Amino acid sequence: MEELRLVWVHKEGPWADEVISIMATDIASIDASSGPLFGHIHIKSLTGGPEIFIDNLYRADVYKIRCLVEGISL
């Protein structure tokens, strides 16, 4: 059986990437909020490990991402 993971790759420069990986069973909560145009997502880990915080997303994308992550974590 394959384990589900949430992987986020953040480009920090031409040759620098930050990769954060959280197992689906370790997702504690998903906080999503948006204004009229933009919003953000904050995914917290149960183990106190890495957290994913993504800012400046379009409003529609915030809700799509939230639904996808909730589906993976269930």
C-alpha atoms as a PDB file:
ATOM      1  CA  MET A   1       0.000   0.000   0.000  1.00  0.00           C
ATOM      2  CA  GLU A   2       1.257   3.437  -0.908  1.00  0.00           C
ATOM      3  CA  GLU A   3       1.264   6.172   1.736  1.00  0.00           C
ATOM      4  CA  LEU A   4      -0.372   9.475   0.823  1.00  0.00           C
ATOM      5  CA  ARG A   5       1.747  12.569   1.312  1.00  0.00           C
ATOM      6  CA  LEU A   6       1.293  16.253   0.847  1.00  0.00           C
ATOM      7  CA  VAL A   7       4.430  17.713  -0.770  1.00  0.00           C
ATOM      8  CA  TRP A   8       5.054  21.417  -1.225  1.00  0.00           C
ATOM      9  CA  VAL A   9       7.997  22.734  -3.241  1.00  0.00           C
ATOM     10  CA  HIS A  10       8.854  26.384  -2.709  1.00  0.00           C
ATOM     11  CA  LYS A  11      11.280  27.996  -5.158  1.00  0.00           C
ATOM     12  CA  GLU A  12      13.668  30.248  -3.248  1.00  0.00           C
ATOM     13  CA  GLY A  13      15.947  31.108  -6.136  1.00  0.00           C
ATOM     14  CA  PRO A  14      17.414  29.784  -9.368  1.00  0.00           C
ATOM     15  CA  TRP A  15      19.048  26.745  -7.725  1.00  0.00           C
ATOM     16  CA  ALA A  16      17.395  26.711  -4.320  1.00  0.00           C
ATOM     17  CA  ASP A  17      14.218  24.841  -3.430  1.00  0.00           C
ATOM     18  CA  GLU A  18      12.550  24.177  -0.097  1.00  0.00           C
ATOM     19  CA  VAL A  19      10.603  20.898  -0.004  1.00  0.00           C
ATOM     20  CA  ILE A  20       8.141  20.166   2.817  1.00  0.00           C
ATOM     21  CA  SER A  21       6.422  16.794   3.027  1.00  0.00           C
ATOM     22  CA  ILE A  22       3.647  15.855   5.463  1.00  0.00           C
ATOM     23  CA  MET A  23       2.063  12.402   5.617  1.00  0.00           C
ATOM     24  CA  ALA A  24      -1.724  12.422   5.208  1.00  0.00           C
ATOM     25  CA  THR A  25      -2.190  10.797   8.620  1.00  0.00           C
ATOM     26  CA  ASP A  26      -0.142  13.593  10.256  1.00  0.00           C
ATOM     27  CA  ILE A  27      -2.298  16.512   9.045  1.00  0.00           C
ATOM     28  CA  ALA A  28      -3.816  18.152  12.122  1.00  0.00           C
ATOM     29  CA  SER A  29      -5.757  21.022  10.588  1.00  0.00           C
ATOM     30  CA  ILE A  30      -6.207  23.098   7.483  1.00  0.00           C
ATOM     31  CA  ASP A  31      -6.872  26.810   7.898  1.00  0.00           C
ATOM     32  CA  ALA A  32      -8.015  28.697   4.825  1.00  0.00           C
ATOM     33  CA  SER A  33      -9.111  32.277   4.574  1.00  0.00           C
ATOM     34  CA  SER A  34      -9.588  34.743   1.767  1.00  0.00           C
ATOM     35  CA  GLY A  35     -10.492  38.296   1.054  1.00  0.00           C
ATOM     36  CA  PRO A  36     -12.207  39.643  -2.035  1.00  0.00           C
ATOM     37  CA  LEU A  37      -9.364  38.519  -4.363  1.00  0.00           C
ATOM     38  CA  PHE A  38      -6.567  36.745  -2.471  1.00  0.00           C
ATOM     39  CA  GLY A  39      -6.232  34.327   0.413  1.00  0.00           C
ATOM     40  CA  HIS A  40      -3.914  31.925   2.194  1.00  0.00           C
ATOM     41  CA  ILE A  41      -3.686  28.290   3.344  1.00  0.00           C
ATOM     42  CA  HIS A  42      -2.059  27.049   6.554  1.00  0.00           C
ATOM     43  CA  ILE A  43      -1.631  23.281   7.031  1.00  0.00           C
ATOM     44  CA  LYS A  44      -0.543  22.141  10.494  1.00  0.00           C
ATOM     45  CA  SER A  45       1.079  18.841  11.420  1.00  0.00           C
ATOM     46  CA  LEU A  46       0.063  16.609  14.339  1.00  0.00           C
ATOM     47  CA  THR A  47       3.654  15.788  15.200  1.00  0.00           C
ATOM     48  CA  GLY A  48       4.707  19.411  15.587  1.00  0.00           C
ATOM     49  CA  GLY A  49       6.885  18.969  12.513  1.00  0.00           C
ATOM     50  CA  PRO A  50       6.863  21.125   9.422  1.00  0.00           C
ATOM     51  CA  GLU A  51       3.924  23.359   8.609  1.00  0.00           C
ATOM     52  CA  ILE A  52       2.901  24.599   5.188  1.00  0.00           C
ATOM     53  CA  PHE A  53       1.888  28.240   4.823  1.00  0.00           C
ATOM     54  CA  ILE A  54       1.045  29.507   1.337  1.00  0.00           C
ATOM     55  CA  ASP A  55       0.168  33.181   0.869  1.00  0.00           C
ATOM     56  CA  ASN A  56      -1.215  35.270  -2.018  1.00  0.00           C
ATOM     57  CA  LEU A  57      -3.411  32.624  -3.658  1.00  0.00           C
ATOM     58  CA  TYR A  58      -6.449  33.468  -5.714  1.00  0.00           C
ATOM     59  CA  ARG A  59      -9.682  33.066  -3.783  1.00  0.00           C
ATOM     60  CA  ALA A  60     -10.970  30.181  -5.942  1.00  0.00           C
ATOM     61  CA  ASP A  61      -7.660  28.322  -5.599  1.00  0.00           C
ATOM     62  CA  VAL A  62      -7.795  28.576  -1.788  1.00  0.00           C
ATOM     63  CA  TYR A  63     -11.044  26.631  -1.637  1.00  0.00           C
ATOM     64  CA  LYS A  64      -9.929  24.059  -4.228  1.00  0.00           C
ATOM     65  CA  ILE A  65      -6.720  23.372  -2.292  1.00  0.00           C
ATOM     66  CA  ARG A  66      -8.597  23.133   1.005  1.00  0.00           C
ATOM     67  CA  CYS A  67     -11.027  20.549  -0.427  1.00  0.00           C
ATOM     68  CA  LEU A  68      -8.188  18.504  -1.940  1.00  0.00           C
ATOM     69  CA  VAL A  69      -6.150  18.460   1.275  1.00  0.00           C
ATOM     70  CA  GLU A  70      -9.198  17.583   3.392  1.00  0.00           C
ATOM     71  CA  GLY A  71      -9.934  14.723   0.999  1.00  0.00           C
ATOM     72  CA  ILE A  72      -6.382  13.416   1.309  1.00  0.00           C
ATOM     73  CA  SER A  73      -6.369  13.670   5.107  1.00  0.00           C
ATOM     74  CA  LEU A  74      -9.603  11.660   5.441  1.00  0.00           C
END
